[in-house]
């Protein structure tokens, strides 16, 4: 699997002694010359500079092609060249933590992975403890964005500056959003939103007959990575299914099976659903 790496994932994984996860996850890792210059900058940590001066064999430095794209000029050199190189090589993923770079990459059909997702993938394979890795990561100058705050804060202290205009939870959770911000990556539609992978668990008040109107539900949203951050509130079957159909790209058959189980007193489970930060904020997930 070919990936192009920006500066930040290498920088932070080197600092927490987990940079060797990259070649274990990806068979072909490339960086542009601008990323190499940033890694070897005098202001970079000494361990990062040492890595740049003695690159391991699994890192390939390649020249980024020239792409006539005005939006790329707004990015820093490392991010700009990384995206250009990923497009030129047809890379499967771009590794970057920068929000603008991820948005720009998504608009050009590139899928991106962050440092946290790399750690999550390694933890899923049993290679590391995700919690231990997060604790080490937070001892650097790594910044946790609000989309990851709840489950990271459950293990290590994180300060997230609230917005100037706090968003209050809506009166009817999971109601339709007029201009949906979709949370699933898709090569043909540029959605400008981060997403979080969660498990959805429902519990109905009593057994009901499918198709006989909306039923009240207790919905639990759990971070799929297993860290703390459960969020529970009441909604109803109609609002929940409307949200899933409008805000995700889950197959119709999957939604149909999930909907049928909503009427079961044992509840229903939908695992690994990616929901956008906009939706999670609107339903009150990030409000403590």
C-alpha atoms as a PDB file:
ATOM      1  CA  UNK A   1       0.000   0.000   0.000  1.00  0.00           C
ATOM      2  CA  UNK A   2       1.456   3.332  -1.105  1.00  0.00           C
ATOM      3  CA  UNK A   3       1.113   6.324   1.219  1.00  0.00           C
ATOM      4  CA  UNK A   4       2.563   9.829   1.202  1.00  0.00           C
ATOM      5  CA  UNK A   5       3.394  11.270   4.607  1.00  0.00           C
ATOM      6  CA  UNK A   6       3.296  14.889   5.724  1.00  0.00           C
ATOM      7  CA  UNK A   7       5.546  16.169   8.510  1.00  0.00           C
ATOM      8  CA  UNK A   8       3.246  15.923  11.538  1.00  0.00           C
ATOM      9  CA  UNK A   9       2.607  12.153  11.797  1.00  0.00           C
ATOM     10  CA  UNK A  10       6.334  11.437  11.474  1.00  0.00           C
ATOM     11  CA  UNK A  11       7.189  14.195  13.937  1.00  0.00           C
ATOM     12  CA  UNK A  12       4.873  12.957  16.694  1.00  0.00           C
ATOM     13  CA  UNK A  13       5.388   9.234  16.167  1.00  0.00           C
ATOM     14  CA  UNK A  14       9.159   9.745  16.306  1.00  0.00           C
ATOM     15  CA  UNK A  15       8.809  11.655  19.588  1.00  0.00           C
ATOM     16  CA  UNK A  16       6.810   8.847  21.228  1.00  0.00           C
ATOM     17  CA  UNK A  17       9.066   6.087  19.783  1.00  0.00           C
ATOM     18  CA  UNK A  18       6.313   4.598  17.613  1.00  0.00           C
ATOM     19  CA  UNK A  19       7.386   5.706  14.148  1.00  0.00           C
ATOM     20  CA  UNK A  20       8.060   2.064  13.219  1.00  0.00           C
ATOM     21  CA  UNK A  21       4.298   1.549  13.155  1.00  0.00           C
ATOM     22  CA  UNK A  22       4.206   3.269   9.762  1.00  0.00           C
ATOM     23  CA  UNK A  23       6.159   0.613   7.806  1.00  0.00           C
ATOM     24  CA  UNK A  24       4.227  -2.115   9.628  1.00  0.00           C
ATOM     25  CA  UNK A  25       0.952  -0.658   8.385  1.00  0.00           C
ATOM     26  CA  UNK A  26       2.059   0.509   4.927  1.00  0.00           C
ATOM     27  CA  UNK A  27       4.395  -1.210   2.496  1.00  0.00           C
ATOM     28  CA  UNK A  28       5.494   1.872   0.530  1.00  0.00           C
ATOM     29  CA  UNK A  29       6.043   5.211   2.320  1.00  0.00           C
ATOM     30  CA  UNK A  30       7.049   8.364   0.421  1.00  0.00           C
ATOM     31  CA  UNK A  31       7.746  11.912   1.537  1.00  0.00           C
ATOM     32  CA  UNK A  32       8.453  15.022  -0.548  1.00  0.00           C
ATOM     33  CA  UNK A  33      11.605  17.092  -0.155  1.00  0.00           C
ATOM     34  CA  UNK A  34       9.717  19.835   1.729  1.00  0.00           C
ATOM     35  CA  UNK A  35       8.789  17.359   4.479  1.00  0.00           C
ATOM     36  CA  UNK A  36      12.410  16.245   4.777  1.00  0.00           C
ATOM     37  CA  UNK A  37      13.469  19.897   5.156  1.00  0.00           C
ATOM     38  CA  UNK A  38      10.888  20.451   7.889  1.00  0.00           C
ATOM     39  CA  UNK A  39      11.977  17.328   9.782  1.00  0.00           C
ATOM     40  CA  UNK A  40      15.598  18.464   9.703  1.00  0.00           C
ATOM     41  CA  UNK A  41      14.852  22.062  10.672  1.00  0.00           C
ATOM     42  CA  UNK A  42      16.978  23.359  13.607  1.00  0.00           C
ATOM     43  CA  UNK A  43      13.801  24.028  15.610  1.00  0.00           C
ATOM     44  CA  UNK A  44      12.648  20.391  15.324  1.00  0.00           C
ATOM     45  CA  UNK A  45      13.204  18.063  18.308  1.00  0.00           C
ATOM     46  CA  UNK A  46      16.604  16.367  18.277  1.00  0.00           C
ATOM     47  CA  UNK A  47      15.106  12.906  17.776  1.00  0.00           C
ATOM     48  CA  UNK A  48      13.211  14.166  14.728  1.00  0.00           C
ATOM     49  CA  UNK A  49      16.316  15.780  13.250  1.00  0.00           C
ATOM     50  CA  UNK A  50      18.290  12.588  13.804  1.00  0.00           C
ATOM     51  CA  UNK A  51      15.603  10.627  11.959  1.00  0.00           C
ATOM     52  CA  UNK A  52      15.809  13.059   9.027  1.00  0.00           C
ATOM     53  CA  UNK A  53      19.594  12.883   8.859  1.00  0.00           C
ATOM     54  CA  UNK A  54      19.582   9.053   8.862  1.00  0.00           C
ATOM     55  CA  UNK A  55      16.383   8.082   7.083  1.00  0.00           C
ATOM     56  CA  UNK A  56      15.422   4.412   7.409  1.00  0.00           C
ATOM     57  CA  UNK A  57      15.196   2.341   4.248  1.00  0.00           C
ATOM     58  CA  UNK A  58      11.406   2.230   4.355  1.00  0.00           C
ATOM     59  CA  UNK A  59      11.166   5.987   3.646  1.00  0.00           C
ATOM     60  CA  UNK A  60      11.493   7.133   0.038  1.00  0.00           C
ATOM     61  CA  UNK A  61      12.090  10.817  -0.712  1.00  0.00           C
ATOM     62  CA  UNK A  62      10.597  11.889  -4.034  1.00  0.00           C
ATOM     63  CA  UNK A  63      10.172  15.142  -5.858  1.00  0.00           C
ATOM     64  CA  UNK A  64       6.598  16.437  -5.955  1.00  0.00           C
ATOM     65  CA  UNK A  65       5.307  17.252  -9.393  1.00  0.00           C
ATOM     66  CA  UNK A  66       4.069  20.709 -10.307  1.00  0.00           C
ATOM     67  CA  UNK A  67       0.287  20.893 -10.167  1.00  0.00           C
ATOM     68  CA  UNK A  68      -1.611  23.992 -11.292  1.00  0.00           C
ATOM     69  CA  UNK A  69      -3.864  24.290  -8.263  1.00  0.00           C
ATOM     70  CA  UNK A  70      -4.322  27.665  -6.577  1.00  0.00           C
ATOM     71  CA  UNK A  71      -5.742  26.122  -3.387  1.00  0.00           C
ATOM     72  CA  UNK A  72      -2.489  24.261  -2.734  1.00  0.00           C
ATOM     73  CA  UNK A  73      -0.629  27.570  -2.553  1.00  0.00           C
ATOM     74  CA  UNK A  74      -2.540  28.401   0.639  1.00  0.00           C
ATOM     75  CA  UNK A  75      -0.951  25.437   2.450  1.00  0.00           C
ATOM     76  CA  UNK A  76       2.480  25.174   4.048  1.00  0.00           C
ATOM     77  CA  UNK A  77       5.227  23.738   1.801  1.00  0.00           C
ATOM     78  CA  UNK A  78       5.213  20.279   3.407  1.00  0.00           C
ATOM     79  CA  UNK A  79       1.459  19.857   3.127  1.00  0.00           C
ATOM     80  CA  UNK A  80       1.400  21.336  -0.379  1.00  0.00           C
ATOM     81  CA  UNK A  81       4.092  19.022  -1.698  1.00  0.00           C
ATOM     82  CA  UNK A  82       2.666  16.004   0.110  1.00  0.00           C
ATOM     83  CA  UNK A  83      -0.717  16.453  -1.570  1.00  0.00           C
ATOM     84  CA  UNK A  84       0.900  17.081  -4.956  1.00  0.00           C
ATOM     85  CA  UNK A  85       3.059  13.961  -4.576  1.00  0.00           C
ATOM     86  CA  UNK A  86       0.082  11.852  -3.474  1.00  0.00           C
ATOM     87  CA  UNK A  87      -1.852  12.951  -6.555  1.00  0.00           C
ATOM     88  CA  UNK A  88       1.126  12.302  -8.835  1.00  0.00           C
ATOM     89  CA  UNK A  89       1.820   8.828  -7.443  1.00  0.00           C
ATOM     90  CA  UNK A  90      -1.825   7.833  -7.013  1.00  0.00           C
ATOM     91  CA  UNK A  91      -1.266   7.116  -3.319  1.00  0.00           C
ATOM     92  CA  UNK A  92      -3.924   5.239  -1.369  1.00  0.00           C
ATOM     93  CA  UNK A  93      -3.603   7.576   1.627  1.00  0.00           C
ATOM     94  CA  UNK A  94      -2.169  10.906   2.690  1.00  0.00           C
ATOM     95  CA  UNK A  95      -0.876  10.897   6.271  1.00  0.00           C
ATOM     96  CA  UNK A  96      -1.393  14.324   7.833  1.00  0.00           C
ATOM     97  CA  UNK A  97      -2.819  15.967  10.947  1.00  0.00           C
ATOM     98  CA  UNK A  98      -3.480  19.369   9.412  1.00  0.00           C
ATOM     99  CA  UNK A  99      -7.181  20.116   9.020  1.00  0.00           C
ATOM    100  CA  UNK A 100      -6.775  22.346   5.954  1.00  0.00           C
ATOM    101  CA  UNK A 101      -4.578  19.734   4.295  1.00  0.00           C
ATOM    102  CA  UNK A 102      -7.130  17.001   4.973  1.00  0.00           C
ATOM    103  CA  UNK A 103      -9.933  19.152   3.589  1.00  0.00           C
ATOM    104  CA  UNK A 104      -7.927  20.066   0.483  1.00  0.00           C
ATOM    105  CA  UNK A 105      -6.962  16.417  -0.033  1.00  0.00           C
ATOM    106  CA  UNK A 106     -10.563  15.265   0.343  1.00  0.00           C
ATOM    107  CA  UNK A 107     -11.704  17.774  -2.274  1.00  0.00           C
ATOM    108  CA  UNK A 108      -9.224  16.150  -4.677  1.00  0.00           C
ATOM    109  CA  UNK A 109     -10.345  12.603  -4.008  1.00  0.00           C
ATOM    110  CA  UNK A 110      -7.557  11.713  -1.567  1.00  0.00           C
ATOM    111  CA  UNK A 111      -8.212   9.814   1.642  1.00  0.00           C
ATOM    112  CA  UNK A 112      -6.251  10.987   4.667  1.00  0.00           C
ATOM    113  CA  UNK A 113      -5.185   9.388   7.941  1.00  0.00           C
ATOM    114  CA  UNK A 114      -4.107  11.199  11.096  1.00  0.00           C
ATOM    115  CA  UNK A 115      -1.667  10.278  13.841  1.00  0.00           C
ATOM    116  CA  UNK A 116      -4.562   9.206  16.072  1.00  0.00           C
ATOM    117  CA  UNK A 117      -5.966   6.933  13.373  1.00  0.00           C
ATOM    118  CA  UNK A 118      -2.544   5.354  12.841  1.00  0.00           C
ATOM    119  CA  UNK A 119      -2.352   4.627  16.572  1.00  0.00           C
ATOM    120  CA  UNK A 120      -5.913   3.299  16.525  1.00  0.00           C
ATOM    121  CA  UNK A 121      -5.101   0.942  13.636  1.00  0.00           C
ATOM    122  CA  UNK A 122      -2.019  -0.353  15.440  1.00  0.00           C
ATOM    123  CA  UNK A 123      -4.011  -0.869  18.636  1.00  0.00           C
ATOM    124  CA  UNK A 124      -6.681  -2.803  16.716  1.00  0.00           C
ATOM    125  CA  UNK A 125      -3.935  -5.220  15.659  1.00  0.00           C
ATOM    126  CA  UNK A 126      -2.739  -5.628  19.232  1.00  0.00           C
ATOM    127  CA  UNK A 127       0.633  -3.987  18.595  1.00  0.00           C
ATOM    128  CA  UNK A 128       0.306  -1.180  21.149  1.00  0.00           C
ATOM    129  CA  UNK A 129      -1.862   0.097  23.966  1.00  0.00           C
ATOM    130  CA  UNK A 130      -3.838   3.001  22.558  1.00  0.00           C
ATOM    131  CA  UNK A 131      -4.229   4.577  25.982  1.00  0.00           C
ATOM    132  CA  UNK A 132      -0.515   4.437  26.724  1.00  0.00           C
ATOM    133  CA  UNK A 133       0.279   5.903  23.307  1.00  0.00           C
ATOM    134  CA  UNK A 134      -2.171   8.760  23.870  1.00  0.00           C
ATOM    135  CA  UNK A 135      -0.639   9.557  27.253  1.00  0.00           C
ATOM    136  CA  UNK A 136       2.803   9.795  25.655  1.00  0.00           C
ATOM    137  CA  UNK A 137       1.459  11.800  22.726  1.00  0.00           C
ATOM    138  CA  UNK A 138      -0.144  14.372  25.011  1.00  0.00           C
ATOM    139  CA  UNK A 139       3.228  15.018  26.656  1.00  0.00           C
ATOM    140  CA  UNK A 140       4.359  16.542  23.345  1.00  0.00           C
ATOM    141  CA  UNK A 141       2.846  19.693  21.843  1.00  0.00           C
ATOM    142  CA  UNK A 142       0.239  17.598  20.014  1.00  0.00           C
ATOM    143  CA  UNK A 143      -3.135  19.352  19.966  1.00  0.00           C
ATOM    144  CA  UNK A 144      -6.348  17.364  20.288  1.00  0.00           C
ATOM    145  CA  UNK A 145      -9.227  18.765  18.264  1.00  0.00           C
ATOM    146  CA  UNK A 146     -12.782  18.703  19.666  1.00  0.00           C
ATOM    147  CA  UNK A 147     -13.749  15.654  17.591  1.00  0.00           C
ATOM    148  CA  UNK A 148     -11.353  13.532  19.683  1.00  0.00           C
ATOM    149  CA  UNK A 149     -11.605  15.409  22.989  1.00  0.00           C
ATOM    150  CA  UNK A 150     -14.196  13.298  24.780  1.00  0.00           C
ATOM    151  CA  UNK A 151     -12.542   9.891  24.488  1.00  0.00           C
ATOM    152  CA  UNK A 152      -8.982  11.225  24.883  1.00  0.00           C
ATOM    153  CA  UNK A 153      -9.928  13.321  27.918  1.00  0.00           C
ATOM    154  CA  UNK A 154     -11.231  10.169  29.579  1.00  0.00           C
ATOM    155  CA  UNK A 155      -7.638   8.985  30.037  1.00  0.00           C
ATOM    156  CA  UNK A 156      -5.434  12.108  30.030  1.00  0.00           C
ATOM    157  CA  UNK A 157      -6.195  15.773  30.873  1.00  0.00           C
ATOM    158  CA  UNK A 158      -6.942  17.843  27.803  1.00  0.00           C
ATOM    159  CA  UNK A 159      -7.930  21.498  27.669  1.00  0.00           C
ATOM    160  CA  UNK A 160     -10.239  22.448  24.825  1.00  0.00           C
ATOM    161  CA  UNK A 161     -11.060  26.146  24.488  1.00  0.00           C
ATOM    162  CA  UNK A 162     -14.849  26.499  24.090  1.00  0.00           C
ATOM    163  CA  UNK A 163     -16.293  28.421  21.190  1.00  0.00           C
ATOM    164  CA  UNK A 164     -17.430  32.007  21.721  1.00  0.00           C
ATOM    165  CA  UNK A 165     -21.045  30.964  21.139  1.00  0.00           C
ATOM    166  CA  UNK A 166     -21.674  27.646  22.891  1.00  0.00           C
ATOM    167  CA  UNK A 167     -24.085  25.402  21.061  1.00  0.00           C
ATOM    168  CA  UNK A 168     -26.979  24.222  23.188  1.00  0.00           C
ATOM    169  CA  UNK A 169     -28.373  20.709  22.677  1.00  0.00           C
ATOM    170  CA  UNK A 170     -31.407  20.798  20.349  1.00  0.00           C
ATOM    171  CA  UNK A 171     -34.869  20.167  21.761  1.00  0.00           C
ATOM    172  CA  UNK A 172     -35.261  17.077  19.548  1.00  0.00           C
ATOM    173  CA  UNK A 173     -31.958  15.191  19.277  1.00  0.00           C
ATOM    174  CA  UNK A 174     -31.149  13.616  15.934  1.00  0.00           C
ATOM    175  CA  UNK A 175     -33.589  15.738  13.998  1.00  0.00           C
ATOM    176  CA  UNK A 176     -32.727  16.408  10.366  1.00  0.00           C
ATOM    177  CA  UNK A 177     -30.096  19.082   9.721  1.00  0.00           C
ATOM    178  CA  UNK A 178     -31.085  21.464   6.858  1.00  0.00           C
ATOM    179  CA  UNK A 179     -27.606  21.403   5.260  1.00  0.00           C
ATOM    180  CA  UNK A 180     -26.126  18.057   6.292  1.00  0.00           C
ATOM    181  CA  UNK A 181     -22.373  17.790   6.792  1.00  0.00           C
ATOM    182  CA  UNK A 182     -21.728  14.206   5.785  1.00  0.00           C
ATOM    183  CA  UNK A 183     -19.245  12.175   7.795  1.00  0.00           C
ATOM    184  CA  UNK A 184     -18.258   9.445   5.333  1.00  0.00           C
ATOM    185  CA  UNK A 185     -15.448   9.927   2.852  1.00  0.00           C
ATOM    186  CA  UNK A 186     -16.576   9.699  -0.772  1.00  0.00           C
ATOM    187  CA  UNK A 187     -14.382  10.268  -3.848  1.00  0.00           C
ATOM    188  CA  UNK A 188     -16.957  12.318  -5.743  1.00  0.00           C
ATOM    189  CA  UNK A 189     -18.339  14.623  -3.031  1.00  0.00           C
ATOM    190  CA  UNK A 190     -16.223  17.006  -0.956  1.00  0.00           C
ATOM    191  CA  UNK A 191     -17.622  17.055   2.577  1.00  0.00           C
ATOM    192  CA  UNK A 192     -15.869  19.564   4.814  1.00  0.00           C
ATOM    193  CA  UNK A 193     -16.141  17.752   8.114  1.00  0.00           C
ATOM    194  CA  UNK A 194     -14.051  15.584  10.371  1.00  0.00           C
ATOM    195  CA  UNK A 195     -15.677  12.380  11.439  1.00  0.00           C
ATOM    196  CA  UNK A 196     -15.560  10.104  14.467  1.00  0.00           C
ATOM    197  CA  UNK A 197     -16.079   6.339  14.418  1.00  0.00           C
ATOM    198  CA  UNK A 198     -18.665   5.317  17.009  1.00  0.00           C
ATOM    199  CA  UNK A 199     -20.878   2.429  18.060  1.00  0.00           C
ATOM    200  CA  UNK A 200     -24.610   3.072  18.404  1.00  0.00           C
ATOM    201  CA  UNK A 201     -26.575   1.039  20.963  1.00  0.00           C
ATOM    202  CA  UNK A 202     -30.310   1.460  21.457  1.00  0.00           C
ATOM    203  CA  UNK A 203     -32.797   0.305  24.052  1.00  0.00           C
ATOM    204  CA  UNK A 204     -36.569   0.635  23.593  1.00  0.00           C
ATOM    205  CA  UNK A 205     -38.921   1.217  26.498  1.00  0.00           C
ATOM    206  CA  UNK A 206     -41.092  -1.779  25.600  1.00  0.00           C
ATOM    207  CA  UNK A 207     -41.636  -4.277  22.814  1.00  0.00           C
ATOM    208  CA  UNK A 208     -43.517  -2.752  19.880  1.00  0.00           C
ATOM    209  CA  UNK A 209     -44.734  -3.821  16.470  1.00  0.00           C
ATOM    210  CA  UNK A 210     -42.510  -2.708  13.550  1.00  0.00           C
ATOM    211  CA  UNK A 211     -44.104  -0.067  11.355  1.00  0.00           C
ATOM    212  CA  UNK A 212     -46.562   1.098  14.019  1.00  0.00           C
ATOM    213  CA  UNK A 213     -45.211   4.618  14.417  1.00  0.00           C
ATOM    214  CA  UNK A 214     -42.207   6.085  16.211  1.00  0.00           C
ATOM    215  CA  UNK A 215     -41.109   4.517  19.477  1.00  0.00           C
ATOM    216  CA  UNK A 216     -39.069   6.222  22.208  1.00  0.00           C
ATOM    217  CA  UNK A 217     -35.479   5.035  22.453  1.00  0.00           C
ATOM    218  CA  UNK A 218     -32.496   5.411  24.722  1.00  0.00           C
ATOM    219  CA  UNK A 219     -29.439   5.827  22.480  1.00  0.00           C
ATOM    220  CA  UNK A 220     -25.860   5.322  23.662  1.00  0.00           C
ATOM    221  CA  UNK A 221     -22.985   6.643  21.532  1.00  0.00           C
ATOM    222  CA  UNK A 222     -19.676   4.923  22.351  1.00  0.00           C
ATOM    223  CA  UNK A 223     -16.254   5.704  20.810  1.00  0.00           C
ATOM    224  CA  UNK A 224     -15.440   2.709  18.626  1.00  0.00           C
ATOM    225  CA  UNK A 225     -11.802   2.702  19.819  1.00  0.00           C
ATOM    226  CA  UNK A 226     -12.922   1.552  23.290  1.00  0.00           C
ATOM    227  CA  UNK A 227     -11.825   4.625  25.246  1.00  0.00           C
ATOM    228  CA  UNK A 228     -14.189   6.414  27.669  1.00  0.00           C
ATOM    229  CA  UNK A 229     -16.680   8.884  26.245  1.00  0.00           C
ATOM    230  CA  UNK A 230     -20.123   7.245  26.308  1.00  0.00           C
ATOM    231  CA  UNK A 231     -23.019   9.612  25.718  1.00  0.00           C
ATOM    232  CA  UNK A 232     -26.635   8.628  26.376  1.00  0.00           C
ATOM    233  CA  UNK A 233     -29.873  10.458  25.685  1.00  0.00           C
ATOM    234  CA  UNK A 234     -33.443   9.863  24.534  1.00  0.00           C
ATOM    235  CA  UNK A 235     -34.663  10.053  20.954  1.00  0.00           C
ATOM    236  CA  UNK A 236     -37.133   8.074  18.852  1.00  0.00           C
ATOM    237  CA  UNK A 237     -36.925   5.517  16.063  1.00  0.00           C
ATOM    238  CA  UNK A 238     -38.100   7.893  13.316  1.00  0.00           C
ATOM    239  CA  UNK A 239     -35.561  10.627  14.133  1.00  0.00           C
ATOM    240  CA  UNK A 240     -32.736   8.115  14.486  1.00  0.00           C
ATOM    241  CA  UNK A 241     -33.379   6.416  11.139  1.00  0.00           C
ATOM    242  CA  UNK A 242     -33.816   9.784   9.402  1.00  0.00           C
ATOM    243  CA  UNK A 243     -30.410  10.856  10.689  1.00  0.00           C
ATOM    244  CA  UNK A 244     -28.700   7.633   9.599  1.00  0.00           C
ATOM    245  CA  UNK A 245     -30.177   7.856   6.101  1.00  0.00           C
ATOM    246  CA  UNK A 246     -29.268  11.522   5.645  1.00  0.00           C
ATOM    247  CA  UNK A 247     -25.932  11.698   7.468  1.00  0.00           C
ATOM    248  CA  UNK A 248     -24.256   8.409   6.516  1.00  0.00           C
ATOM    249  CA  UNK A 249     -23.701   6.275   3.458  1.00  0.00           C
ATOM    250  CA  UNK A 250     -24.601   3.010   5.169  1.00  0.00           C
ATOM    251  CA  UNK A 251     -26.112   0.455   2.760  1.00  0.00           C
ATOM    252  CA  UNK A 252     -29.893   0.255   2.709  1.00  0.00           C
ATOM    253  CA  UNK A 253     -29.821  -3.409   3.737  1.00  0.00           C
ATOM    254  CA  UNK A 254     -27.763  -2.594   6.845  1.00  0.00           C
ATOM    255  CA  UNK A 255     -30.139   0.199   7.849  1.00  0.00           C
ATOM    256  CA  UNK A 256     -33.152  -2.034   7.252  1.00  0.00           C
ATOM    257  CA  UNK A 257     -31.824  -4.763   9.556  1.00  0.00           C
ATOM    258  CA  UNK A 258     -30.900  -2.186  12.207  1.00  0.00           C
ATOM    259  CA  UNK A 259     -34.336  -0.536  12.003  1.00  0.00           C
ATOM    260  CA  UNK A 260     -36.123  -3.869  12.421  1.00  0.00           C
ATOM    261  CA  UNK A 261     -34.172  -4.563  15.628  1.00  0.00           C
ATOM    262  CA  UNK A 262     -35.149  -1.192  17.131  1.00  0.00           C
ATOM    263  CA  UNK A 263     -38.462  -2.699  18.152  1.00  0.00           C
ATOM    264  CA  UNK A 264     -36.787  -5.532  20.068  1.00  0.00           C
ATOM    265  CA  UNK A 265     -36.597  -5.098  23.845  1.00  0.00           C
ATOM    266  CA  UNK A 266     -33.013  -6.394  23.654  1.00  0.00           C
ATOM    267  CA  UNK A 267     -32.117  -3.316  21.627  1.00  0.00           C
ATOM    268  CA  UNK A 268     -30.095  -2.834  18.466  1.00  0.00           C
ATOM    269  CA  UNK A 269     -26.389  -2.269  17.772  1.00  0.00           C
ATOM    270  CA  UNK A 270     -24.706  -0.523  14.850  1.00  0.00           C
ATOM    271  CA  UNK A 271     -20.910  -0.721  15.076  1.00  0.00           C
ATOM    272  CA  UNK A 272     -18.211   1.415  13.451  1.00  0.00           C
ATOM    273  CA  UNK A 273     -20.485   4.204  12.216  1.00  0.00           C
ATOM    274  CA  UNK A 274     -18.696   7.401  11.172  1.00  0.00           C
ATOM    275  CA  UNK A 275     -20.553  10.544  12.275  1.00  0.00           C
ATOM    276  CA  UNK A 276     -19.434  14.085  11.501  1.00  0.00           C
ATOM    277  CA  UNK A 277     -18.251  16.496  14.173  1.00  0.00           C
ATOM    278  CA  UNK A 278     -21.041  18.895  13.137  1.00  0.00           C
ATOM    279  CA  UNK A 279     -23.709  16.282  13.833  1.00  0.00           C
ATOM    280  CA  UNK A 280     -22.134  15.181  17.115  1.00  0.00           C
ATOM    281  CA  UNK A 281     -21.923  18.798  18.238  1.00  0.00           C
ATOM    282  CA  UNK A 282     -25.546  19.463  17.310  1.00  0.00           C
ATOM    283  CA  UNK A 283     -26.783  16.546  19.390  1.00  0.00           C
ATOM    284  CA  UNK A 284     -24.711  17.668  22.385  1.00  0.00           C
ATOM    285  CA  UNK A 285     -21.948  15.051  22.377  1.00  0.00           C
ATOM    286  CA  UNK A 286     -19.151  17.585  22.930  1.00  0.00           C
ATOM    287  CA  UNK A 287     -20.984  19.571  25.605  1.00  0.00           C
ATOM    288  CA  UNK A 288     -20.026  18.552  29.119  1.00  0.00           C
END
